Amino acid sequence: MSGDGSRLRLSELPEARLPADWERHDGVVVHSLTAHALESMERHKWIESEKAGHDLGEVVMLQWLEQYWKGYVRAKLMEHLYGWRCWGAFEEVDHGLLARSTVEFHVPNHILHRVAEILGDGGENLDVIDWVLAENAKGVGINLDAVLWLLDRIDINAKRHRLLTDHIRLFIERKSS
């Protein structure tokens, strides 16, 4: 909520549009994961430095990288997959994937949502597969091949690792030089 009790608008949030973001021809803003991560790291550095009473420097930014990067990327991927925000680091065709009524392999919407819940809550691919097997043991009849296709399409582990922390480290080192 903002000061007058009304709801915050996207532009009022710290993660609003940054200079590195750009607008597609259809008006969708494509956000830079690197620029926004650096902004979050700077915010973390400021907060921790304020607590300590002095500038903690690069060390606290590297701490953010170690502690929060995986969760940060997962959260931004979920935003992208739900279509809430488009992130340039992820496949454009996956923007809004989980908000569709069905996808190419005919994964129904309720399955898309449950998979998104599991992954969004920090679950891994194996947790999703375990859920499908448990549901099928109860006679629900979820198409495991379709869910495996979806997990392969989302490819959460590869995206998290492909957006290597080394990439962000280069920016930190440049800024501190």
C-alpha atoms as a PDB file:
ATOM      1  CA  MET A   1       0.000   0.000   0.000  1.00  0.00           C
ATOM      2  CA  SER A   2       1.161   3.512  -0.648  1.00  0.00           C
ATOM      3  CA  GLY A   3       0.927   6.313   1.931  1.00  0.00           C
ATOM      4  CA  ASP A   4      -2.672   7.214   1.057  1.00  0.00           C
ATOM      5  CA  GLY A   5      -3.868   3.611   1.499  1.00  0.00           C
ATOM      6  CA  SER A   6      -4.214   2.923  -2.223  1.00  0.00           C
ATOM      7  CA  ARG A   7      -2.506  -0.007  -3.865  1.00  0.00           C
ATOM      8  CA  LEU A   8       1.014   0.443  -5.214  1.00  0.00           C
ATOM      9  CA  ARG A   9       1.420   0.614  -8.961  1.00  0.00           C
ATOM     10  CA  LEU A  10       4.182  -1.320 -10.709  1.00  0.00           C
ATOM     11  CA  SER A  11       6.008   1.932 -11.441  1.00  0.00           C
ATOM     12  CA  GLU A  12       6.201   2.631  -7.686  1.00  0.00           C
ATOM     13  CA  LEU A  13       7.972  -0.605  -6.888  1.00  0.00           C
ATOM     14  CA  PRO A  14      11.776  -0.761  -6.655  1.00  0.00           C
ATOM     15  CA  GLU A  15      11.728  -3.265  -9.527  1.00  0.00           C
ATOM     16  CA  ALA A  16       9.989  -0.857 -11.907  1.00  0.00           C
ATOM     17  CA  ARG A  17      11.483  -0.031 -15.305  1.00  0.00           C
ATOM     18  CA  LEU A  18      15.246   0.579 -15.367  1.00  0.00           C
ATOM     19  CA  PRO A  19      17.295   2.183 -18.167  1.00  0.00           C
ATOM     20  CA  ALA A  20      18.470  -1.283 -19.340  1.00  0.00           C
ATOM     21  CA  ASP A  21      14.855  -2.418 -19.893  1.00  0.00           C
ATOM     22  CA  TRP A  22      13.289  -1.975 -23.314  1.00  0.00           C
ATOM     23  CA  GLU A  23       9.862  -2.049 -24.894  1.00  0.00           C
ATOM     24  CA  ARG A  24       8.834  -4.521 -27.585  1.00  0.00           C
ATOM     25  CA  HIS A  25       6.784  -3.445 -30.602  1.00  0.00           C
ATOM     26  CA  ASP A  26       3.632  -4.759 -28.859  1.00  0.00           C
ATOM     27  CA  GLY A  27       4.220  -2.550 -25.805  1.00  0.00           C
ATOM     28  CA  VAL A  28       5.503  -5.282 -23.482  1.00  0.00           C
ATOM     29  CA  VAL A  29       8.459  -4.112 -21.408  1.00  0.00           C
ATOM     30  CA  VAL A  30      11.344  -6.591 -21.445  1.00  0.00           C
ATOM     31  CA  HIS A  31      13.255  -6.316 -18.181  1.00  0.00           C
ATOM     32  CA  SER A  32      16.991  -6.897 -17.818  1.00  0.00           C
ATOM     33  CA  LEU A  33      17.624  -9.604 -15.226  1.00  0.00           C
ATOM     34  CA  THR A  34      21.197  -8.387 -14.760  1.00  0.00           C
ATOM     35  CA  ALA A  35      20.227  -4.743 -14.198  1.00  0.00           C
ATOM     36  CA  HIS A  36      17.468  -5.668 -11.752  1.00  0.00           C
ATOM     37  CA  ALA A  37      19.692  -8.129  -9.881  1.00  0.00           C
ATOM     38  CA  LEU A  38      22.358  -5.448  -9.521  1.00  0.00           C
ATOM     39  CA  GLU A  39      19.699  -3.049  -8.233  1.00  0.00           C
ATOM     40  CA  SER A  40      18.618  -5.634  -5.640  1.00  0.00           C
ATOM     41  CA  MET A  41      22.227  -6.209  -4.664  1.00  0.00           C
ATOM     42  CA  GLU A  42      22.801  -2.472  -4.220  1.00  0.00           C
ATOM     43  CA  ARG A  43      19.659  -2.272  -2.057  1.00  0.00           C
ATOM     44  CA  HIS A  44      20.916  -5.200   0.037  1.00  0.00           C
ATOM     45  CA  LYS A  45      24.329  -3.554   0.363  1.00  0.00           C
ATOM     46  CA  TRP A  46      22.750  -0.288   1.509  1.00  0.00           C
ATOM     47  CA  ILE A  47      20.516  -2.002   4.095  1.00  0.00           C
ATOM     48  CA  GLU A  48      23.331  -4.138   5.506  1.00  0.00           C
ATOM     49  CA  SER A  49      25.753  -1.188   5.522  1.00  0.00           C
ATOM     50  CA  GLU A  50      23.192   0.930   7.383  1.00  0.00           C
ATOM     51  CA  LYS A  51      22.834  -1.842   9.981  1.00  0.00           C
ATOM     52  CA  ALA A  52      26.625  -2.053  10.350  1.00  0.00           C
ATOM     53  CA  GLY A  53      27.090   1.710  10.447  1.00  0.00           C
ATOM     54  CA  HIS A  54      29.615   1.747   7.600  1.00  0.00           C
ATOM     55  CA  ASP A  55      29.948   0.762   3.923  1.00  0.00           C
ATOM     56  CA  LEU A  56      30.395  -3.006   3.692  1.00  0.00           C
ATOM     57  CA  GLY A  57      31.425  -2.850   0.021  1.00  0.00           C
ATOM     58  CA  GLU A  58      31.691  -5.689  -2.457  1.00  0.00           C
ATOM     59  CA  VAL A  59      31.684  -8.409   0.213  1.00  0.00           C
ATOM     60  CA  VAL A  60      27.997  -7.899   0.988  1.00  0.00           C
ATOM     61  CA  MET A  61      27.116  -7.927  -2.721  1.00  0.00           C
ATOM     62  CA  LEU A  62      28.859 -11.273  -3.119  1.00  0.00           C
ATOM     63  CA  GLN A  63      26.965 -12.433  -0.026  1.00  0.00           C
ATOM     64  CA  TRP A  64      23.690 -11.529  -1.789  1.00  0.00           C
ATOM     65  CA  LEU A  65      24.834 -13.539  -4.782  1.00  0.00           C
ATOM     66  CA  GLU A  66      25.512 -16.630  -2.685  1.00  0.00           C
ATOM     67  CA  GLN A  67      22.397 -16.338  -0.511  1.00  0.00           C
ATOM     68  CA  TYR A  68      19.713 -15.016  -2.839  1.00  0.00           C
ATOM     69  CA  TRP A  69      20.640 -15.563  -6.503  1.00  0.00           C
ATOM     70  CA  LYS A  70      18.948 -18.936  -6.995  1.00  0.00           C
ATOM     71  CA  GLY A  71      15.727 -17.785  -5.363  1.00  0.00           C
ATOM     72  CA  TYR A  72      15.848 -14.489  -7.232  1.00  0.00           C
ATOM     73  CA  VAL A  73      16.180 -16.199 -10.610  1.00  0.00           C
ATOM     74  CA  ARG A  74      13.422 -18.671  -9.712  1.00  0.00           C
ATOM     75  CA  ALA A  75      11.090 -15.815  -8.714  1.00  0.00           C
ATOM     76  CA  LYS A  76      11.796 -13.892 -11.927  1.00  0.00           C
ATOM     77  CA  LEU A  77      11.327 -17.053 -13.992  1.00  0.00           C
ATOM     78  CA  MET A  78       7.933 -17.610 -12.362  1.00  0.00           C
ATOM     79  CA  GLU A  79       6.974 -13.985 -13.129  1.00  0.00           C
ATOM     80  CA  HIS A  80       7.982 -14.619 -16.737  1.00  0.00           C
ATOM     81  CA  LEU A  81       6.160 -17.952 -17.013  1.00  0.00           C
ATOM     82  CA  TYR A  82       2.961 -16.485 -15.558  1.00  0.00           C
ATOM     83  CA  GLY A  83       3.251 -13.477 -17.864  1.00  0.00           C
ATOM     84  CA  TRP A  84       3.357 -10.968 -15.004  1.00  0.00           C
ATOM     85  CA  ARG A  85       6.615  -9.505 -16.239  1.00  0.00           C
ATOM     86  CA  CYS A  86       8.751 -10.279 -19.288  1.00  0.00           C
ATOM     87  CA  TRP A  87      12.430 -10.989 -18.545  1.00  0.00           C
ATOM     88  CA  GLY A  88      14.917 -10.881 -21.420  1.00  0.00           C
ATOM     89  CA  ALA A  89      17.040 -13.635 -19.870  1.00  0.00           C
ATOM     90  CA  PHE A  90      14.318 -16.213 -20.548  1.00  0.00           C
ATOM     91  CA  GLU A  91      12.798 -17.483 -23.778  1.00  0.00           C
ATOM     92  CA  GLU A  92      10.295 -15.033 -25.228  1.00  0.00           C
ATOM     93  CA  VAL A  93       7.947 -17.867 -26.249  1.00  0.00           C
ATOM     94  CA  ASP A  94       7.710 -18.953 -22.589  1.00  0.00           C
ATOM     95  CA  HIS A  95       6.355 -15.568 -21.466  1.00  0.00           C
ATOM     96  CA  GLY A  96       2.895 -16.325 -20.090  1.00  0.00           C
ATOM     97  CA  LEU A  97       3.279 -20.096 -20.569  1.00  0.00           C
ATOM     98  CA  LEU A  98       1.607 -20.932 -17.236  1.00  0.00           C
ATOM     99  CA  ALA A  99      -1.273 -18.529 -17.819  1.00  0.00           C
ATOM    100  CA  ARG A 100      -2.419 -20.298 -20.974  1.00  0.00           C
ATOM    101  CA  SER A 101      -5.435 -22.574 -20.940  1.00  0.00           C
ATOM    102  CA  THR A 102      -3.320 -25.329 -22.478  1.00  0.00           C
ATOM    103  CA  VAL A 103       0.113 -25.710 -24.029  1.00  0.00           C
ATOM    104  CA  GLU A 104       1.510 -27.624 -26.984  1.00  0.00           C
ATOM    105  CA  PHE A 105       1.531 -31.039 -25.298  1.00  0.00           C
ATOM    106  CA  HIS A 106      -2.047 -30.443 -24.090  1.00  0.00           C
ATOM    107  CA  VAL A 107      -1.148 -29.980 -20.453  1.00  0.00           C
ATOM    108  CA  PRO A 108      -4.395 -28.753 -18.875  1.00  0.00           C
ATOM    109  CA  ASN A 109      -4.510 -25.442 -17.040  1.00  0.00           C
ATOM    110  CA  HIS A 110      -5.023 -26.992 -13.589  1.00  0.00           C
ATOM    111  CA  ILE A 111      -1.868 -29.084 -14.085  1.00  0.00           C
ATOM    112  CA  LEU A 112       0.060 -26.003 -15.246  1.00  0.00           C
ATOM    113  CA  HIS A 113      -1.011 -24.207 -12.071  1.00  0.00           C
ATOM    114  CA  ARG A 114      -0.098 -27.074  -9.753  1.00  0.00           C
ATOM    115  CA  VAL A 115       3.342 -27.452 -11.360  1.00  0.00           C
ATOM    116  CA  ALA A 116       3.818 -23.687 -11.020  1.00  0.00           C
ATOM    117  CA  GLU A 117       2.837 -23.851  -7.333  1.00  0.00           C
ATOM    118  CA  ILE A 118       5.341 -26.607  -6.646  1.00  0.00           C
ATOM    119  CA  LEU A 119       8.165 -24.842  -8.480  1.00  0.00           C
ATOM    120  CA  GLY A 120       7.202 -21.440  -7.100  1.00  0.00           C
ATOM    121  CA  ASP A 121       7.348 -22.804  -3.559  1.00  0.00           C
ATOM    122  CA  GLY A 122      10.943 -23.889  -4.156  1.00  0.00           C
ATOM    123  CA  GLY A 123      10.208 -27.413  -5.336  1.00  0.00           C
ATOM    124  CA  GLU A 124      12.334 -29.117  -7.929  1.00  0.00           C
ATOM    125  CA  ASN A 125      11.503 -31.262 -10.946  1.00  0.00           C
ATOM    126  CA  LEU A 126      11.595 -34.397  -8.787  1.00  0.00           C
ATOM    127  CA  ASP A 127       8.946 -32.896  -6.476  1.00  0.00           C
ATOM    128  CA  VAL A 128       6.668 -32.392  -9.475  1.00  0.00           C
ATOM    129  CA  ILE A 129       7.251 -35.942 -10.684  1.00  0.00           C
ATOM    130  CA  ASP A 130       6.594 -37.294  -7.166  1.00  0.00           C
ATOM    131  CA  TRP A 131       3.323 -35.336  -7.087  1.00  0.00           C
ATOM    132  CA  VAL A 132       2.231 -36.798 -10.452  1.00  0.00           C
ATOM    133  CA  LEU A 133       3.102 -40.346  -9.346  1.00  0.00           C
ATOM    134  CA  ALA A 134       1.239 -39.891  -6.044  1.00  0.00           C
ATOM    135  CA  GLU A 135      -1.829 -38.516  -7.844  1.00  0.00           C
ATOM    136  CA  ASN A 136      -1.710 -41.363 -10.362  1.00  0.00           C
ATOM    137  CA  ALA A 137      -1.447 -43.894  -7.508  1.00  0.00           C
ATOM    138  CA  LYS A 138      -4.807 -42.472  -6.333  1.00  0.00           C
ATOM    139  CA  GLY A 139      -6.202 -43.082  -9.821  1.00  0.00           C
ATOM    140  CA  VAL A 140      -6.202 -39.446 -10.983  1.00  0.00           C
ATOM    141  CA  GLY A 141      -4.602 -40.236 -14.346  1.00  0.00           C
ATOM    142  CA  ILE A 142      -2.228 -37.315 -14.985  1.00  0.00           C
ATOM    143  CA  ASN A 143      -0.275 -37.744 -18.214  1.00  0.00           C
ATOM    144  CA  LEU A 144       3.317 -38.079 -16.952  1.00  0.00           C
ATOM    145  CA  ASP A 145       4.738 -37.591 -20.458  1.00  0.00           C
ATOM    146  CA  ALA A 146       2.939 -34.257 -20.731  1.00  0.00           C
ATOM    147  CA  VAL A 147       4.291 -33.130 -17.347  1.00  0.00           C
ATOM    148  CA  LEU A 148       7.807 -34.268 -18.284  1.00  0.00           C
ATOM    149  CA  TRP A 149       7.480 -32.270 -21.516  1.00  0.00           C
ATOM    150  CA  LEU A 150       6.412 -29.222 -19.463  1.00  0.00           C
ATOM    151  CA  LEU A 151       9.334 -29.610 -17.045  1.00  0.00           C
ATOM    152  CA  ASP A 152      11.698 -29.901 -20.001  1.00  0.00           C
ATOM    153  CA  ARG A 153      10.143 -26.774 -21.538  1.00  0.00           C
ATOM    154  CA  ILE A 154      10.437 -24.789 -18.289  1.00  0.00           C
ATOM    155  CA  ASP A 155      13.920 -26.234 -17.684  1.00  0.00           C
ATOM    156  CA  ILE A 156      14.224 -24.477 -14.338  1.00  0.00           C
ATOM    157  CA  ASN A 157      17.591 -25.962 -13.360  1.00  0.00           C
ATOM    158  CA  ALA A 158      19.343 -25.097 -16.610  1.00  0.00           C
ATOM    159  CA  LYS A 159      17.976 -21.536 -16.562  1.00  0.00           C
ATOM    160  CA  ARG A 160      19.174 -21.041 -13.017  1.00  0.00           C
ATOM    161  CA  HIS A 161      22.645 -22.342 -13.877  1.00  0.00           C
ATOM    162  CA  ARG A 162      22.859 -20.803 -17.345  1.00  0.00           C
ATOM    163  CA  LEU A 163      22.435 -17.373 -15.753  1.00  0.00           C
ATOM    164  CA  LEU A 164      25.698 -17.932 -14.014  1.00  0.00           C
ATOM    165  CA  THR A 165      26.702 -15.981 -10.998  1.00  0.00           C
ATOM    166  CA  ASP A 166      29.978 -15.350 -12.826  1.00  0.00           C
ATOM    167  CA  HIS A 167      28.078 -13.032 -15.165  1.00  0.00           C
ATOM    168  CA  ILE A 168      26.896 -10.911 -12.245  1.00  0.00           C
ATOM    169  CA  ARG A 169      30.323 -11.097 -10.591  1.00  0.00           C
ATOM    170  CA  LEU A 170      31.815  -9.372 -13.643  1.00  0.00           C
ATOM    171  CA  PHE A 171      29.470  -6.432 -13.130  1.00  0.00           C
ATOM    172  CA  ILE A 172      30.312  -6.223  -9.424  1.00  0.00           C
ATOM    173  CA  GLU A 173      34.030  -6.251 -10.162  1.00  0.00           C
ATOM    174  CA  ARG A 174      33.599  -3.547 -12.839  1.00  0.00           C
ATOM    175  CA  LYS A 175      31.632  -1.336 -10.469  1.00  0.00           C
ATOM    176  CA  SER A 176      34.154  -1.674  -7.657  1.00  0.00           C
ATOM    177  CA  SER A 177      37.187  -0.987  -9.911  1.00  0.00           C
END
